[in-house]
């Protein structure tokens, strides 16, 4: 009887656990690479953008849309800080983090904006 109670308690505890999936990436997201022999650029700042969506019963639809929304949010945050992507400015050191659990998906994108001079 005592063993049955321990097994039932263990199953209850394990059934209450929810899994969380983490995905992240550090590095170049594009194939273009620039080799700089001298400092001909200036860093305008580091910025972050994020997006969250609730998952449906059958899973998240259009996860790529979350990355686009997070990137758009990053560009909006940069613009509100007075930095716009115009002319010789570009995003570098782009990284992303994606946290997913049964209820929602949260994507965060970090990047620096530089300007070539």
Protein backbone atom coordinates (compact mmCIF):
# COMPACT_ATOMS: atom_id res chain seq x y z
CA UNK A 1 0.00 0.00 0.00
CA UNK A 2 2.82 2.38 0.91
CA UNK A 3 4.59 1.64 -2.38
CA UNK A 4 1.40 2.33 -4.32
CA UNK A 5 1.06 5.69 -2.58
CA UNK A 6 4.68 6.62 -3.40
CA UNK A 7 4.23 5.66 -7.07
CA UNK A 8 0.98 7.64 -7.30
CA UNK A 9 2.64 10.67 -5.71
CA UNK A 10 5.60 10.41 -8.09
CA UNK A 11 3.28 10.22 -11.11
CA UNK A 12 1.33 13.23 -9.87
CA UNK A 13 4.51 15.30 -9.44
CA UNK A 14 5.86 14.33 -12.85
CA UNK A 15 2.53 14.99 -14.56
CA UNK A 16 2.50 18.53 -13.14
CA UNK A 17 5.81 19.39 -14.82
CA UNK A 18 5.69 21.32 -18.06
CA UNK A 19 8.48 21.34 -20.57
CA UNK A 20 10.05 24.49 -21.90
CA UNK A 21 12.01 24.48 -25.13
CA UNK A 22 14.80 27.03 -25.51
CA UNK A 23 16.42 27.81 -28.84
CA UNK A 24 19.11 30.40 -29.35
CA UNK A 25 21.60 31.38 -31.99
CA UNK A 26 24.72 33.48 -31.91
CA UNK A 27 26.49 34.43 -35.08
CA UNK A 28 25.90 35.68 -38.57
CA UNK A 29 22.36 35.28 -39.83
CA UNK A 30 23.32 36.26 -43.37
CA UNK A 31 25.96 34.90 -45.72
CA UNK A 32 27.69 38.25 -46.31
CA UNK A 33 30.86 38.75 -44.31
CA UNK A 34 32.94 41.92 -44.16
CA UNK A 35 36.64 41.79 -43.31
CA UNK A 36 37.70 45.12 -41.87
CA UNK A 37 41.40 45.98 -42.00
CA UNK A 38 40.86 49.35 -40.35
CA UNK A 39 38.20 50.99 -38.26
CA UNK A 40 35.99 52.60 -40.87
CA UNK A 41 32.75 52.31 -38.95
CA UNK A 42 31.18 53.50 -35.73
CA UNK A 43 28.80 51.62 -33.46
CA UNK A 44 25.53 53.49 -33.03
CA UNK A 45 24.14 51.24 -30.29
CA UNK A 46 22.82 47.86 -29.24
CA UNK A 47 19.10 47.26 -29.50
CA UNK A 48 16.57 44.56 -28.61
CA UNK A 49 13.17 43.62 -30.01
CA UNK A 50 10.71 40.97 -28.88
CA UNK A 51 7.45 39.32 -29.87
CA UNK A 52 5.14 36.89 -28.09
CA UNK A 53 2.32 34.70 -29.33
CA UNK A 54 0.00 32.25 -27.61
CA UNK A 55 0.07 28.75 -29.01
CA UNK A 56 -2.99 27.07 -30.42
CA UNK A 57 -4.06 23.57 -29.50
CA UNK A 58 -2.23 22.09 -32.48
CA UNK A 59 0.88 24.30 -32.11
CA UNK A 60 2.06 27.75 -33.13
CA UNK A 61 1.31 28.86 -36.65
CA UNK A 62 3.71 31.08 -38.57
CA UNK A 63 6.65 31.13 -36.13
CA UNK A 64 8.60 32.98 -38.84
CA UNK A 65 6.17 35.84 -38.35
CA UNK A 66 7.32 36.17 -34.73
CA UNK A 67 10.90 36.70 -35.87
CA UNK A 68 9.79 39.37 -38.35
CA UNK A 69 7.69 41.05 -35.64
CA UNK A 70 10.61 40.98 -33.18
CA UNK A 71 12.95 42.47 -35.81
CA UNK A 72 10.40 45.18 -36.58
CA UNK A 73 10.18 45.91 -32.85
CA UNK A 74 13.99 46.14 -32.69
CA UNK A 75 14.04 48.66 -35.55
CA UNK A 76 11.24 50.67 -33.87
CA UNK A 77 13.22 50.72 -30.60
CA UNK A 78 16.28 51.95 -32.48
CA UNK A 79 14.23 54.63 -34.25
CA UNK A 80 12.79 55.86 -30.95
CA UNK A 81 16.39 56.17 -29.70
CA UNK A 82 17.24 58.32 -32.74
CA UNK A 83 18.97 55.65 -34.85
CA UNK A 84 17.47 54.75 -38.24
CA UNK A 85 18.67 52.21 -40.79
CA UNK A 86 19.46 54.56 -43.63
CA UNK A 87 22.42 54.93 -45.96
CA UNK A 88 25.49 52.99 -44.84
CA UNK A 89 23.95 51.67 -41.61
CA UNK A 90 23.34 47.99 -40.99
CA UNK A 91 22.56 45.41 -38.32
CA UNK A 92 25.45 43.27 -37.08
CA UNK A 93 25.96 40.63 -34.38
CA UNK A 94 22.34 39.56 -34.70
CA UNK A 95 21.34 36.94 -32.13
CA UNK A 96 17.99 35.50 -31.21
CA UNK A 97 16.46 33.64 -28.31
CA UNK A 98 13.24 31.67 -28.55
CA UNK A 99 11.48 30.35 -25.47
CA UNK A 100 8.57 28.01 -26.09
CA UNK A 101 6.24 26.28 -23.66
CA UNK A 102 2.81 24.72 -24.19
CA UNK A 103 1.06 28.09 -23.80
CA UNK A 104 3.19 30.62 -25.66
CA UNK A 105 6.25 31.35 -27.77
CA UNK A 106 8.50 34.33 -26.97
CA UNK A 107 11.20 35.53 -29.41
CA UNK A 108 13.88 38.11 -28.54
CA UNK A 109 16.33 39.51 -31.12
CA UNK A 110 19.46 41.44 -30.14
CA UNK A 111 21.61 43.38 -32.63
CA UNK A 112 24.03 46.26 -32.93
CA UNK A 113 23.69 48.98 -35.54
CA UNK A 114 26.86 50.30 -37.17
CA UNK A 115 27.48 53.02 -39.70
CA UNK A 116 30.28 52.86 -42.23
CA UNK A 117 32.15 56.15 -42.55
